[in-house]
Amino acid sequence: MSKPAVKKSYTFQDRIYLYEIIKGLGITIRHFLANVRASLRPGPHTIPTTWQYPEDRTREISPLFRGAHMLILDDQGREKCVGCGMCARGCPAKCITVKRGKRKEGQEDRYVGKTYCTEFHIDLLRCIFCGYCEDSCPKGAIMLGPEFELAGYSRDDCQLFKDGMLTNFHRAMEEGKLRPPRKPVKVEGAAPGGSGTGAGSSSKSPGGPDKQADKTQQ
C-alpha cells in the first residue's frame, strides 16, 4: 500500500516568499555597491571589471597562451624551418601541409638548412591549438604566438600560409610579445649522443659499491 501524503504546513512568511526575495536582492545590491566603490577608487582595480575591448588593448596576455602560428627567424633573419614535416606528422587534427625544397646557391642568407619549406599551410578551422607542432619541431622553427583575433568572414580567411606566419613573427617582435623558446625536456638515463644504455638503465652492478668492495677485500 502506498503511504499517505503528508501535507507540510507553511508559515505566512514561507508562503509569500518575500523574505527570500529580499535576501537575494540584498546580496546583489551589496556586490553592486562594492563594484561602484572600486570603480571610483584611483589606481589599478583589484576586482574584475568590464574590459573596453577593442578600444583598450593594454591587457597583458599570458606567455603560455597559444594563438596564431609563427615561423621563427634566427638572429641573422634566416628561416629556421627545413621543411621536414615533423609538425604535420605530429598534428592530431591533420591541419598542416608542408612542402620542402632544396636551397640553391646564394640563398644561404635566407635559409638556415640545406632544405626549406616552399609551402606552409595551416587550416585554422581544424586546428585545436594544442602546441604539438611546436613541441615536435626539431629546429624550433614554429611557435604559437599571442595573436588571438582569428575570426573571418569566409573559410578562405581562416587559412594561414607561410607569408602570414612570417608576418605574425615580425608583429610579435615589434610589439615585444615574442616569448622565449621552450627548453628541451631531459630524459633521465639517456646517454649523450644516443649511445650507451637505454633510458632508466644503469652501468652499476646490482650489488652496489659496498658489496663490490667486500668482494675485493676477500
N, C-alpha and C. Protein backbone atom coordinates (compact mmCIF):
# COMPACT_ATOMS: atom_id res chain seq x y z
N MET A 1 0.84 -1.19 0.00
CA MET A 1 0.00 0.00 0.00
C MET A 1 0.88 1.25 0.00
N SER A 2 0.44 2.23 -0.71
CA SER A 2 1.20 3.48 -0.78
C SER A 2 0.99 4.29 0.49
N LYS A 3 2.04 4.99 0.87
CA LYS A 3 1.96 5.80 2.07
C LYS A 3 1.11 7.03 1.82
N PRO A 4 0.35 7.43 2.79
CA PRO A 4 -0.47 8.64 2.59
C PRO A 4 0.41 9.88 2.52
N ALA A 5 0.04 10.80 1.68
CA ALA A 5 0.80 12.03 1.53
C ALA A 5 0.67 12.89 2.77
N VAL A 6 1.82 13.38 3.22
CA VAL A 6 1.85 14.22 4.41
C VAL A 6 1.91 15.67 3.96
N LYS A 7 0.95 16.42 4.34
CA LYS A 7 0.92 17.83 3.97
C LYS A 7 1.78 18.63 4.94
N LYS A 8 2.70 19.38 4.37
CA LYS A 8 3.59 20.20 5.18
C LYS A 8 2.97 21.56 5.39
N SER A 9 3.05 22.01 6.59
CA SER A 9 2.47 23.31 6.90
C SER A 9 3.51 24.40 6.68
N TYR A 10 3.11 25.47 6.04
CA TYR A 10 3.99 26.61 5.76
C TYR A 10 3.49 27.82 6.53
N THR A 11 4.43 28.58 6.99
CA THR A 11 4.08 29.83 7.67
C THR A 11 3.72 30.89 6.63
N PHE A 12 3.21 31.99 7.13
CA PHE A 12 2.85 33.08 6.23
C PHE A 12 4.09 33.63 5.52
N GLN A 13 5.21 33.68 6.22
CA GLN A 13 6.45 34.16 5.62
C GLN A 13 6.94 33.23 4.51
N ASP A 14 6.76 31.92 4.71
CA ASP A 14 7.16 30.96 3.67
C ASP A 14 6.24 31.04 2.47
N ARG A 15 4.96 31.27 2.71
CA ARG A 15 4.02 31.27 1.61
C ARG A 15 4.21 32.46 0.68
N ILE A 16 4.51 33.61 1.19
CA ILE A 16 4.66 34.78 0.32
C ILE A 16 6.07 34.85 -0.30
N TYR A 17 7.04 34.14 0.27
CA TYR A 17 8.40 34.05 -0.26
C TYR A 17 9.07 35.41 -0.35
N LEU A 18 8.57 36.36 0.41
CA LEU A 18 9.11 37.71 0.33
C LEU A 18 10.48 37.81 1.00
N TYR A 19 10.66 37.08 2.08
CA TYR A 19 11.94 37.15 2.79
C TYR A 19 13.09 36.65 1.92
N GLU A 20 12.89 35.58 1.18
CA GLU A 20 13.95 35.05 0.32
C GLU A 20 14.27 36.00 -0.83
N ILE A 21 13.23 36.65 -1.34
CA ILE A 21 13.47 37.62 -2.43
C ILE A 21 14.30 38.79 -1.92
N ILE A 22 13.95 39.29 -0.74
CA ILE A 22 14.71 40.42 -0.18
C ILE A 22 16.15 40.01 0.12
N LYS A 23 16.34 38.80 0.61
CA LYS A 23 17.69 38.33 0.92
C LYS A 23 18.55 38.21 -0.34
N GLY A 24 17.96 37.71 -1.44
CA GLY A 24 18.71 37.63 -2.69
C GLY A 24 19.03 38.99 -3.27
N LEU A 25 18.07 39.91 -3.20
CA LEU A 25 18.33 41.27 -3.69
C LEU A 25 19.39 41.97 -2.84
N GLY A 26 19.44 41.65 -1.55
CA GLY A 26 20.45 42.25 -0.70
C GLY A 26 21.86 41.86 -1.11
N ILE A 27 22.05 40.60 -1.51
CA ILE A 27 23.37 40.17 -1.99
C ILE A 27 23.73 40.89 -3.28
N THR A 28 22.75 41.01 -4.18
CA THR A 28 23.01 41.70 -5.45
C THR A 28 23.37 43.16 -5.23
N ILE A 29 22.61 43.84 -4.37
CA ILE A 29 22.88 45.26 -4.12
C ILE A 29 24.22 45.45 -3.43
N ARG A 30 24.58 44.54 -2.53
CA ARG A 30 25.86 44.66 -1.84
C ARG A 30 27.04 44.55 -2.81
N HIS A 31 26.98 43.60 -3.74
CA HIS A 31 28.04 43.47 -4.74
C HIS A 31 28.05 44.66 -5.70
N PHE A 32 26.87 45.17 -6.03
CA PHE A 32 26.80 46.33 -6.93
C PHE A 32 27.47 47.55 -6.30
N LEU A 33 27.19 47.80 -5.04
CA LEU A 33 27.80 48.95 -4.37
C LEU A 33 29.31 48.77 -4.21
N ALA A 34 29.76 47.53 -3.99
CA ALA A 34 31.20 47.28 -3.89
C ALA A 34 31.90 47.56 -5.22
N ASN A 35 31.26 47.20 -6.33
CA ASN A 35 31.85 47.48 -7.64
C ASN A 35 31.87 48.97 -7.93
N VAL A 36 30.83 49.68 -7.50
CA VAL A 36 30.81 51.13 -7.71
C VAL A 36 31.93 51.80 -6.93
N ARG A 37 32.13 51.40 -5.69
CA ARG A 37 33.22 51.98 -4.90
C ARG A 37 34.58 51.65 -5.49
N ALA A 38 34.74 50.45 -6.01
CA ALA A 38 36.03 50.07 -6.61
C ALA A 38 36.30 50.84 -7.89
N SER A 39 35.25 51.14 -8.66
CA SER A 39 35.45 51.89 -9.90
C SER A 39 35.83 53.34 -9.64
N LEU A 40 35.43 53.88 -8.50
CA LEU A 40 35.78 55.26 -8.16
C LEU A 40 37.13 55.36 -7.46
N ARG A 41 37.71 54.24 -7.07
CA ARG A 41 38.98 54.26 -6.36
C ARG A 41 40.12 54.47 -7.35
N PRO A 42 41.07 55.37 -7.10
CA PRO A 42 42.20 55.58 -8.03
C PRO A 42 43.15 54.40 -8.01
N GLY A 43 43.88 54.25 -9.12
CA GLY A 43 44.83 53.17 -9.22
C GLY A 43 44.22 51.93 -9.83
N PRO A 44 45.02 50.86 -9.98
CA PRO A 44 44.51 49.62 -10.58
C PRO A 44 43.44 48.99 -9.71
N HIS A 45 42.42 48.49 -10.35
CA HIS A 45 41.32 47.87 -9.63
C HIS A 45 41.71 46.46 -9.20
N THR A 46 41.24 46.09 -8.05
CA THR A 46 41.56 44.77 -7.52
C THR A 46 40.45 43.76 -7.74
N ILE A 47 39.38 44.14 -8.39
CA ILE A 47 38.29 43.22 -8.68
C ILE A 47 38.05 43.21 -10.18
N PRO A 48 37.48 42.13 -10.71
CA PRO A 48 37.22 42.08 -12.16
C PRO A 48 36.26 43.17 -12.59
N THR A 49 36.57 43.83 -13.69
CA THR A 49 35.72 44.86 -14.25
C THR A 49 35.54 44.59 -15.73
N THR A 50 34.64 45.32 -16.34
CA THR A 50 34.41 45.19 -17.78
C THR A 50 35.58 45.79 -18.54
N TRP A 51 36.14 45.01 -19.47
CA TRP A 51 37.28 45.48 -20.26
C TRP A 51 36.75 46.06 -21.56
N GLN A 52 37.08 47.33 -21.82
CA GLN A 52 36.57 48.01 -23.00
C GLN A 52 37.39 47.59 -24.22
N TYR A 53 37.06 46.40 -24.72
CA TYR A 53 37.72 45.87 -25.91
C TYR A 53 36.80 46.06 -27.11
N PRO A 54 37.29 46.46 -28.28
CA PRO A 54 38.70 46.54 -28.70
C PRO A 54 39.33 47.92 -28.53
N GLU A 55 38.63 48.87 -27.90
CA GLU A 55 39.23 50.19 -27.73
C GLU A 55 40.49 50.14 -26.87
N ASP A 56 40.44 49.36 -25.80
CA ASP A 56 41.57 49.24 -24.89
C ASP A 56 42.25 47.89 -25.13
N ARG A 57 43.47 47.92 -25.62
CA ARG A 57 44.22 46.69 -25.92
C ARG A 57 45.46 46.56 -25.04
N THR A 58 45.41 47.15 -23.87
CA THR A 58 46.58 47.14 -22.99
C THR A 58 46.64 45.91 -22.09
N ARG A 59 45.66 45.07 -22.17
CA ARG A 59 45.65 43.90 -21.29
C ARG A 59 46.76 42.93 -21.70
N GLU A 60 47.52 42.47 -20.72
CA GLU A 60 48.62 41.56 -20.99
C GLU A 60 48.10 40.14 -21.21
N ILE A 61 48.74 39.45 -22.15
CA ILE A 61 48.38 38.08 -22.46
C ILE A 61 49.40 37.15 -21.82
N SER A 62 48.94 36.06 -21.30
CA SER A 62 49.84 35.11 -20.64
C SER A 62 50.87 34.58 -21.64
N PRO A 63 52.12 34.41 -21.22
CA PRO A 63 53.12 33.85 -22.13
C PRO A 63 52.84 32.41 -22.52
N LEU A 64 51.96 31.74 -21.80
CA LEU A 64 51.58 30.37 -22.13
C LEU A 64 50.44 30.31 -23.13
N PHE A 65 49.92 31.46 -23.55
CA PHE A 65 48.80 31.48 -24.48
C PHE A 65 49.23 30.95 -25.84
N ARG A 66 48.37 30.15 -26.45
CA ARG A 66 48.66 29.57 -27.77
C ARG A 66 47.70 30.16 -28.79
N GLY A 67 48.22 31.09 -29.59
CA GLY A 67 47.42 31.76 -30.60
C GLY A 67 47.84 31.37 -31.99
N ALA A 68 47.86 32.35 -32.89
CA ALA A 68 48.20 32.09 -34.29
C ALA A 68 49.65 31.65 -34.41
N HIS A 69 49.92 30.81 -35.39
CA HIS A 69 51.24 30.23 -35.58
C HIS A 69 52.20 31.24 -36.20
N MET A 70 53.48 31.04 -35.89
CA MET A 70 54.54 31.89 -36.43
C MET A 70 55.69 31.01 -36.92
N LEU A 71 56.35 31.45 -37.98
CA LEU A 71 57.60 30.84 -38.43
C LEU A 71 58.75 31.68 -37.89
N ILE A 72 59.66 31.06 -37.19
CA ILE A 72 60.70 31.77 -36.47
C ILE A 72 61.92 31.98 -37.38
N LEU A 73 62.50 33.17 -37.27
CA LEU A 73 63.75 33.50 -37.93
C LEU A 73 64.87 33.54 -36.89
N ASP A 74 66.09 33.23 -37.33
CA ASP A 74 67.22 33.28 -36.41
C ASP A 74 67.73 34.71 -36.26
N ASP A 75 68.85 34.86 -35.57
CA ASP A 75 69.38 36.20 -35.31
C ASP A 75 69.81 36.92 -36.59
N GLN A 76 70.10 36.16 -37.64
CA GLN A 76 70.52 36.74 -38.91
C GLN A 76 69.37 36.93 -39.89
N GLY A 77 68.14 36.69 -39.43
CA GLY A 77 66.97 36.87 -40.28
C GLY A 77 66.73 35.74 -41.25
N ARG A 78 67.27 34.55 -40.98
CA ARG A 78 67.09 33.41 -41.87
C ARG A 78 65.99 32.50 -41.32
N GLU A 79 65.29 31.85 -42.23
CA GLU A 79 64.23 30.93 -41.84
C GLU A 79 64.85 29.67 -41.24
N LYS A 80 64.35 29.29 -40.07
CA LYS A 80 64.87 28.11 -39.39
C LYS A 80 64.21 26.82 -39.86
N CYS A 81 63.05 26.93 -40.47
CA CYS A 81 62.32 25.74 -40.93
C CYS A 81 63.06 25.07 -42.07
N VAL A 82 63.22 23.74 -41.97
CA VAL A 82 63.89 22.96 -43.01
C VAL A 82 62.89 22.13 -43.81
N GLY A 83 61.59 22.28 -43.53
CA GLY A 83 60.57 21.56 -44.29
C GLY A 83 60.56 20.08 -44.05
N CYS A 84 60.93 19.63 -42.85
CA CYS A 84 60.99 18.19 -42.58
C CYS A 84 59.60 17.57 -42.46
N GLY A 85 58.60 18.35 -42.08
CA GLY A 85 57.24 17.84 -41.98
C GLY A 85 56.92 17.16 -40.66
N MET A 86 57.80 17.29 -39.66
CA MET A 86 57.51 16.68 -38.37
C MET A 86 56.27 17.29 -37.72
N CYS A 87 56.05 18.57 -37.94
CA CYS A 87 54.86 19.22 -37.37
C CYS A 87 53.58 18.65 -37.99
N ALA A 88 53.62 18.38 -39.30
CA ALA A 88 52.45 17.82 -39.97
C ALA A 88 52.19 16.39 -39.51
N ARG A 89 53.25 15.62 -39.26
CA ARG A 89 53.07 14.25 -38.79
C ARG A 89 52.55 14.20 -37.36
N GLY A 90 52.98 15.13 -36.54
CA GLY A 90 52.55 15.12 -35.15
C GLY A 90 51.24 15.83 -34.89
N CYS A 91 50.65 16.45 -35.90
CA CYS A 91 49.41 17.19 -35.71
C CYS A 91 48.24 16.22 -35.55
N PRO A 92 47.53 16.23 -34.42
CA PRO A 92 46.39 15.32 -34.26
C PRO A 92 45.19 15.71 -35.11
N ALA A 93 45.09 16.98 -35.49
CA ALA A 93 43.96 17.43 -36.30
C ALA A 93 44.23 17.31 -37.79
N LYS A 94 45.47 17.00 -38.18
CA LYS A 94 45.85 16.87 -39.59
C LYS A 94 45.49 18.13 -40.38
N CYS A 95 45.89 19.26 -39.84
CA CYS A 95 45.55 20.53 -40.48
C CYS A 95 46.77 21.23 -41.09
N ILE A 96 47.94 20.59 -41.07
CA ILE A 96 49.17 21.21 -41.54
C ILE A 96 49.64 20.54 -42.81
N THR A 97 50.03 21.35 -43.78
CA THR A 97 50.61 20.86 -45.03
C THR A 97 51.93 21.57 -45.27
N VAL A 98 52.99 20.79 -45.48
CA VAL A 98 54.33 21.34 -45.67
C VAL A 98 54.93 20.72 -46.92
N LYS A 99 55.50 21.57 -47.76
CA LYS A 99 56.24 21.12 -48.94
C LYS A 99 57.67 21.63 -48.84
N ARG A 100 58.61 20.74 -49.19
CA ARG A 100 60.02 21.05 -49.00
C ARG A 100 60.72 21.25 -50.33
N GLY A 101 61.71 22.13 -50.31
CA GLY A 101 62.54 22.37 -51.48
C GLY A 101 64.00 22.49 -51.08
N LYS A 102 64.90 22.35 -52.04
CA LYS A 102 66.33 22.44 -51.77
C LYS A 102 66.81 23.87 -51.92
N ARG A 103 67.69 24.22 -51.02
CA ARG A 103 68.27 25.56 -51.06
C ARG A 103 69.26 25.67 -52.21
N LYS A 104 69.19 26.77 -52.94
CA LYS A 104 70.07 27.00 -54.07
C LYS A 104 71.28 27.83 -53.64
N GLU A 105 72.25 27.89 -54.52
CA GLU A 105 73.44 28.69 -54.23
C GLU A 105 73.06 30.17 -54.16
N GLY A 106 73.63 30.84 -53.19
CA GLY A 106 73.32 32.25 -53.00
C GLY A 106 72.15 32.51 -52.07
N GLN A 107 71.51 31.43 -51.58
CA GLN A 107 70.38 31.59 -50.66
C GLN A 107 70.75 31.27 -49.21
N GLU A 108 72.04 31.22 -48.94
CA GLU A 108 72.48 30.91 -47.57
C GLU A 108 72.05 31.99 -46.58
N ASP A 109 71.84 33.21 -47.07
CA ASP A 109 71.42 34.29 -46.18
C ASP A 109 69.92 34.31 -45.94
N ARG A 110 69.17 33.38 -46.55
CA ARG A 110 67.72 33.33 -46.39
C ARG A 110 67.26 32.11 -45.59
N TYR A 111 67.98 31.00 -45.74
CA TYR A 111 67.56 29.75 -45.10
C TYR A 111 68.73 29.17 -44.32
N VAL A 112 68.43 28.62 -43.15
CA VAL A 112 69.47 28.04 -42.30
C VAL A 112 69.94 26.70 -42.83
N GLY A 113 69.00 25.83 -43.15
CA GLY A 113 69.34 24.49 -43.59
C GLY A 113 69.51 24.39 -45.10
N LYS A 114 69.93 23.20 -45.53
CA LYS A 114 70.08 22.95 -46.96
C LYS A 114 68.73 22.78 -47.64
N THR A 115 67.70 22.53 -46.86
CA THR A 115 66.33 22.47 -47.38
C THR A 115 65.48 23.50 -46.63
N TYR A 116 64.37 23.86 -47.23
CA TYR A 116 63.46 24.84 -46.62
C TYR A 116 62.05 24.53 -47.08
N CYS A 117 61.08 25.13 -46.43
CA CYS A 117 59.68 24.88 -46.79
C CYS A 117 59.28 25.87 -47.88
N THR A 118 58.89 25.31 -49.00
CA THR A 118 58.40 26.15 -50.09
C THR A 118 56.93 26.52 -49.90
N GLU A 119 56.22 25.69 -49.16
CA GLU A 119 54.80 25.96 -48.89
C GLU A 119 54.46 25.50 -47.49
N PHE A 120 53.80 26.35 -46.76
CA PHE A 120 53.37 26.02 -45.39
C PHE A 120 51.92 26.49 -45.26
N HIS A 121 51.04 25.56 -44.97
CA HIS A 121 49.61 25.87 -44.90
C HIS A 121 49.02 25.25 -43.65
N ILE A 122 48.25 26.05 -42.91
CA ILE A 122 47.55 25.58 -41.71
C ILE A 122 46.09 25.98 -41.82
N ASP A 123 45.22 24.99 -41.70
CA ASP A 123 43.77 25.24 -41.69
C ASP A 123 43.35 25.55 -40.26
N LEU A 124 43.12 26.83 -39.98
CA LEU A 124 42.77 27.24 -38.62
C LEU A 124 41.39 26.76 -38.19
N LEU A 125 40.55 26.37 -39.14
CA LEU A 125 39.23 25.85 -38.79
C LEU A 125 39.33 24.46 -38.18
N ARG A 126 40.40 23.74 -38.50
CA ARG A 126 40.60 22.40 -37.96
C ARG A 126 41.59 22.38 -36.81
N CYS A 127 42.43 23.39 -36.73
CA CYS A 127 43.47 23.43 -35.70
C CYS A 127 42.84 23.52 -34.31
N ILE A 128 43.38 22.77 -33.37
CA ILE A 128 42.91 22.79 -31.99
C ILE A 128 43.89 23.52 -31.08
N PHE A 129 44.95 24.09 -31.64
CA PHE A 129 45.93 24.90 -30.90
C PHE A 129 46.48 24.14 -29.70
N CYS A 130 46.85 22.90 -29.94
CA CYS A 130 47.39 22.06 -28.87
C CYS A 130 48.87 22.30 -28.63
N GLY A 131 49.59 22.81 -29.64
CA GLY A 131 51.02 23.06 -29.50
C GLY A 131 51.90 21.88 -29.83
N TYR A 132 51.33 20.78 -30.35
CA TYR A 132 52.15 19.63 -30.70
C TYR A 132 53.13 19.95 -31.82
N CYS A 133 52.74 20.83 -32.74
CA CYS A 133 53.64 21.20 -33.83
C CYS A 133 54.87 21.90 -33.28
N GLU A 134 54.68 22.72 -32.28
CA GLU A 134 55.81 23.42 -31.66
C GLU A 134 56.71 22.45 -30.90
N ASP A 135 56.11 21.48 -30.22
CA ASP A 135 56.90 20.52 -29.45
C ASP A 135 57.67 19.55 -30.34
N SER A 136 57.11 19.20 -31.48
CA SER A 136 57.74 18.20 -32.34
C SER A 136 58.76 18.78 -33.30
N CYS A 137 58.85 20.10 -33.41
CA CYS A 137 59.79 20.70 -34.37
C CYS A 137 61.22 20.55 -33.86
N PRO A 138 62.11 19.90 -34.62
CA PRO A 138 63.49 19.72 -34.15
C PRO A 138 64.32 20.98 -34.23
N LYS A 139 63.89 21.97 -34.98
CA LYS A 139 64.66 23.20 -35.15
C LYS A 139 64.08 24.38 -34.37
N GLY A 140 62.95 24.18 -33.71
CA GLY A 140 62.31 25.30 -33.01
C GLY A 140 61.87 26.39 -33.97
N ALA A 141 61.36 25.97 -35.14
CA ALA A 141 61.05 26.92 -36.20
C ALA A 141 59.61 27.38 -36.20
N ILE A 142 58.75 26.75 -35.42
CA ILE A 142 57.34 27.13 -35.39
C ILE A 142 56.94 27.38 -33.94
N MET A 143 56.09 28.36 -33.75
CA MET A 143 55.67 28.73 -32.41
C MET A 143 54.26 29.29 -32.48
N LEU A 144 53.48 29.02 -31.44
CA LEU A 144 52.15 29.59 -31.33
C LEU A 144 52.26 30.91 -30.58
N GLY A 145 51.92 31.99 -31.26
CA GLY A 145 52.16 33.32 -30.73
C GLY A 145 50.97 33.91 -29.99
N PRO A 146 51.02 35.21 -29.71
CA PRO A 146 49.98 35.87 -28.92
C PRO A 146 48.78 36.35 -29.73
N GLU A 147 48.79 36.22 -31.05
CA GLU A 147 47.70 36.72 -31.88
C GLU A 147 46.45 35.87 -31.67
N PHE A 148 45.34 36.50 -31.27
CA PHE A 148 44.11 35.77 -30.98
C PHE A 148 42.93 36.23 -31.82
N GLU A 149 43.07 37.27 -32.60
CA GLU A 149 41.97 37.74 -33.45
C GLU A 149 42.00 36.96 -34.76
N LEU A 150 41.33 35.82 -34.77
CA LEU A 150 41.41 34.89 -35.88
C LEU A 150 40.08 34.74 -36.60
N ALA A 151 39.11 35.58 -36.30
CA ALA A 151 37.80 35.46 -36.94
C ALA A 151 37.87 35.92 -38.39
N GLY A 152 37.05 35.32 -39.23
CA GLY A 152 36.99 35.68 -40.64
C GLY A 152 35.58 35.59 -41.16
N TYR A 153 35.37 36.18 -42.33
CA TYR A 153 34.04 36.18 -42.95
C TYR A 153 33.82 34.99 -43.87
N SER A 154 34.88 34.27 -44.19
CA SER A 154 34.76 33.12 -45.07
C SER A 154 35.80 32.08 -44.66
N ARG A 155 35.70 30.90 -45.24
CA ARG A 155 36.66 29.85 -44.94
C ARG A 155 38.06 30.21 -45.43
N ASP A 156 38.12 30.95 -46.52
CA ASP A 156 39.43 31.34 -47.04
C ASP A 156 40.16 32.28 -46.09
N ASP A 157 39.41 33.06 -45.31
CA ASP A 157 40.05 33.96 -44.36
C ASP A 157 40.67 33.22 -43.18
N CYS A 158 40.30 31.96 -43.01
CA CYS A 158 40.80 31.16 -41.88
C CYS A 158 41.90 30.20 -42.31
N GLN A 159 42.55 30.50 -43.42
CA GLN A 159 43.67 29.69 -43.90
C GLN A 159 44.96 30.49 -43.69
N LEU A 160 45.91 29.88 -43.00
CA LEU A 160 47.17 30.55 -42.68
C LEU A 160 48.28 29.96 -43.54
N PHE A 161 48.98 30.85 -44.25
CA PHE A 161 50.07 30.41 -45.13
C PHE A 161 51.40 30.95 -44.61
N LYS A 162 52.44 30.62 -45.35
CA LYS A 162 53.80 30.95 -44.90
C LYS A 162 53.99 32.45 -44.73
N ASP A 163 53.50 33.24 -45.67
CA ASP A 163 53.67 34.69 -45.57
C ASP A 163 52.98 35.24 -44.32
N GLY A 164 51.79 34.71 -44.03
CA GLY A 164 51.09 35.16 -42.84
C GLY A 164 51.79 34.76 -41.55
N MET A 165 52.42 33.59 -41.55
CA MET A 165 53.15 33.15 -40.36
C MET A 165 54.39 34.02 -40.13
N LEU A 166 55.06 34.41 -41.20
CA LEU A 166 56.20 35.32 -41.06
C LEU A 166 55.75 36.70 -40.60
N THR A 167 54.58 37.13 -41.09
CA THR A 167 54.04 38.42 -40.65
C THR A 167 53.72 38.40 -39.17
N ASN A 168 53.17 37.30 -38.69
CA ASN A 168 52.88 37.18 -37.25
C ASN A 168 54.16 37.25 -36.42
N PHE A 169 55.24 36.67 -36.95
CA PHE A 169 56.51 36.72 -36.22
C PHE A 169 57.04 38.15 -36.13
N HIS A 170 57.03 38.86 -37.27
CA HIS A 170 57.53 40.23 -37.26
C HIS A 170 56.67 41.13 -36.36
N ARG A 171 55.36 40.91 -36.35
CA ARG A 171 54.48 41.72 -35.49
C ARG A 171 54.77 41.46 -34.02
N ALA A 172 54.98 40.19 -33.67
CA ALA A 172 55.29 39.86 -32.28
C ALA A 172 56.64 40.44 -31.86
N MET A 173 57.59 40.47 -32.79
CA MET A 173 58.89 41.06 -32.48
C MET A 173 58.78 42.56 -32.25
N GLU A 174 58.01 43.23 -33.09
CA GLU A 174 57.86 44.68 -32.95
C GLU A 174 57.13 45.06 -31.67
N GLU A 175 56.15 44.25 -31.28
CA GLU A 175 55.37 44.55 -30.08
C GLU A 175 56.02 44.00 -28.81
N GLY A 176 57.12 43.27 -28.96
CA GLY A 176 57.80 42.71 -27.80
C GLY A 176 57.04 41.59 -27.12
N LYS A 177 56.25 40.84 -27.87
CA LYS A 177 55.43 39.77 -27.31
C LYS A 177 55.95 38.39 -27.66
N LEU A 178 57.16 38.30 -28.18
CA LEU A 178 57.72 37.01 -28.55
C LEU A 178 58.32 36.36 -27.31
N ARG A 179 57.75 35.25 -26.90
CA ARG A 179 58.24 34.58 -25.71
C ARG A 179 59.46 33.72 -26.05
N PRO A 180 60.31 33.43 -25.09
CA PRO A 180 61.49 32.60 -25.37
C PRO A 180 61.08 31.18 -25.72
N PRO A 181 61.88 30.50 -26.52
CA PRO A 181 61.52 29.12 -26.89
C PRO A 181 61.57 28.19 -25.69
N ARG A 182 60.83 27.11 -25.79
CA ARG A 182 60.81 26.14 -24.71
C ARG A 182 62.12 25.37 -24.66
N LYS A 183 62.53 25.01 -23.44
CA LYS A 183 63.74 24.24 -23.29
C LYS A 183 63.45 22.77 -23.56
N PRO A 184 64.39 22.05 -24.18
CA PRO A 184 64.15 20.62 -24.44
C PRO A 184 64.04 19.84 -23.14
N VAL A 185 63.20 18.83 -23.16
CA VAL A 185 62.98 18.01 -21.98
C VAL A 185 64.10 17.00 -21.85
N LYS A 186 64.71 16.93 -20.68
CA LYS A 186 65.79 15.97 -20.44
C LYS A 186 65.20 14.63 -20.05
N VAL A 187 65.74 13.57 -20.65
CA VAL A 187 65.29 12.21 -20.36
C VAL A 187 66.29 11.58 -19.42
N GLU A 188 65.83 11.13 -18.28
CA GLU A 188 66.73 10.54 -17.30
C GLU A 188 67.28 9.22 -17.81
N GLY A 189 68.57 9.03 -17.63
CA GLY A 189 69.21 7.78 -18.02
C GLY A 189 69.63 7.71 -19.47
N ALA A 190 69.28 8.73 -20.27
CA ALA A 190 69.64 8.71 -21.68
C ALA A 190 71.10 9.12 -21.83
N ALA A 191 71.86 8.33 -22.57
CA ALA A 191 73.27 8.63 -22.77
C ALA A 191 73.42 9.74 -23.79
N PRO A 192 74.40 10.62 -23.64
CA PRO A 192 74.59 11.70 -24.63
C PRO A 192 74.97 11.14 -25.98
N GLY A 193 74.41 11.76 -27.01
CA GLY A 193 74.72 11.32 -28.36
C GLY A 193 73.95 10.12 -28.82
N GLY A 194 73.04 9.62 -27.98
CA GLY A 194 72.22 8.49 -28.40
C GLY A 194 72.91 7.16 -28.27
N SER A 195 74.09 7.09 -27.64
CA SER A 195 74.80 5.84 -27.49
C SER A 195 74.74 5.39 -26.05
N GLY A 196 75.14 4.15 -25.79
CA GLY A 196 75.16 3.64 -24.43
C GLY A 196 73.89 2.91 -24.11
N THR A 197 73.64 2.76 -22.83
CA THR A 197 72.48 2.01 -22.39
C THR A 197 71.22 2.81 -22.57
N GLY A 198 70.10 2.14 -22.48
CA GLY A 198 68.82 2.79 -22.69
C GLY A 198 68.41 3.60 -21.49
N ALA A 199 67.22 4.26 -21.65
CA ALA A 199 66.71 5.13 -20.59
C ALA A 199 66.38 4.32 -19.35
N GLY A 200 66.78 4.85 -18.22
CA GLY A 200 66.46 4.21 -16.96
C GLY A 200 67.42 3.12 -16.57
N SER A 201 68.34 2.72 -17.42
CA SER A 201 69.29 1.67 -17.10
C SER A 201 70.50 2.25 -16.43
N SER A 202 71.28 1.42 -15.79
CA SER A 202 72.46 1.87 -15.06
C SER A 202 73.60 0.92 -15.32
N SER A 203 74.82 1.47 -15.35
CA SER A 203 76.01 0.65 -15.59
C SER A 203 76.53 0.03 -14.31
N LYS A 204 75.96 0.38 -13.13
CA LYS A 204 76.41 -0.18 -11.87
C LYS A 204 75.89 -1.59 -11.69
N SER A 205 76.62 -2.38 -10.97
CA SER A 205 76.20 -3.74 -10.71
C SER A 205 75.10 -3.75 -9.68
N PRO A 206 74.26 -4.81 -9.66
CA PRO A 206 73.16 -4.84 -8.71
C PRO A 206 73.62 -4.83 -7.27
N GLY A 207 74.84 -5.33 -7.02
CA GLY A 207 75.30 -5.40 -5.64
C GLY A 207 75.63 -4.07 -5.03
N GLY A 208 75.98 -3.06 -5.85
CA GLY A 208 76.32 -1.75 -5.32
C GLY A 208 77.79 -1.66 -4.99
N PRO A 209 78.31 -0.46 -4.71
CA PRO A 209 79.73 -0.26 -4.46
C PRO A 209 80.21 -0.90 -3.16
N ASP A 210 79.34 -0.98 -2.12
CA ASP A 210 79.77 -1.54 -0.85
C ASP A 210 80.05 -3.03 -0.98
N LYS A 211 79.14 -3.75 -1.67
CA LYS A 211 79.34 -5.19 -1.82
C LYS A 211 80.53 -5.49 -2.72
N GLN A 212 80.77 -4.64 -3.72
CA GLN A 212 81.93 -4.84 -4.58
C GLN A 212 83.22 -4.69 -3.78
N ALA A 213 83.26 -3.72 -2.84
CA ALA A 213 84.45 -3.54 -2.01
C ALA A 213 84.69 -4.74 -1.11
N ASP A 214 83.61 -5.33 -0.56
CA ASP A 214 83.77 -6.50 0.29
C ASP A 214 84.34 -7.67 -0.49
N LYS A 215 83.88 -7.86 -1.73
CA LYS A 215 84.39 -8.96 -2.54
C LYS A 215 85.86 -8.76 -2.86
N THR A 216 86.27 -7.49 -3.06
CA THR A 216 87.67 -7.22 -3.38
C THR A 216 88.57 -7.53 -2.20
N GLN A 217 88.14 -7.18 -0.97
CA GLN A 217 88.94 -7.47 0.21
C GLN A 217 89.07 -8.96 0.46
N GLN A 218 88.01 -9.74 0.16
CA GLN A 218 88.10 -11.19 0.34
C GLN A 218 89.07 -11.81 -0.66
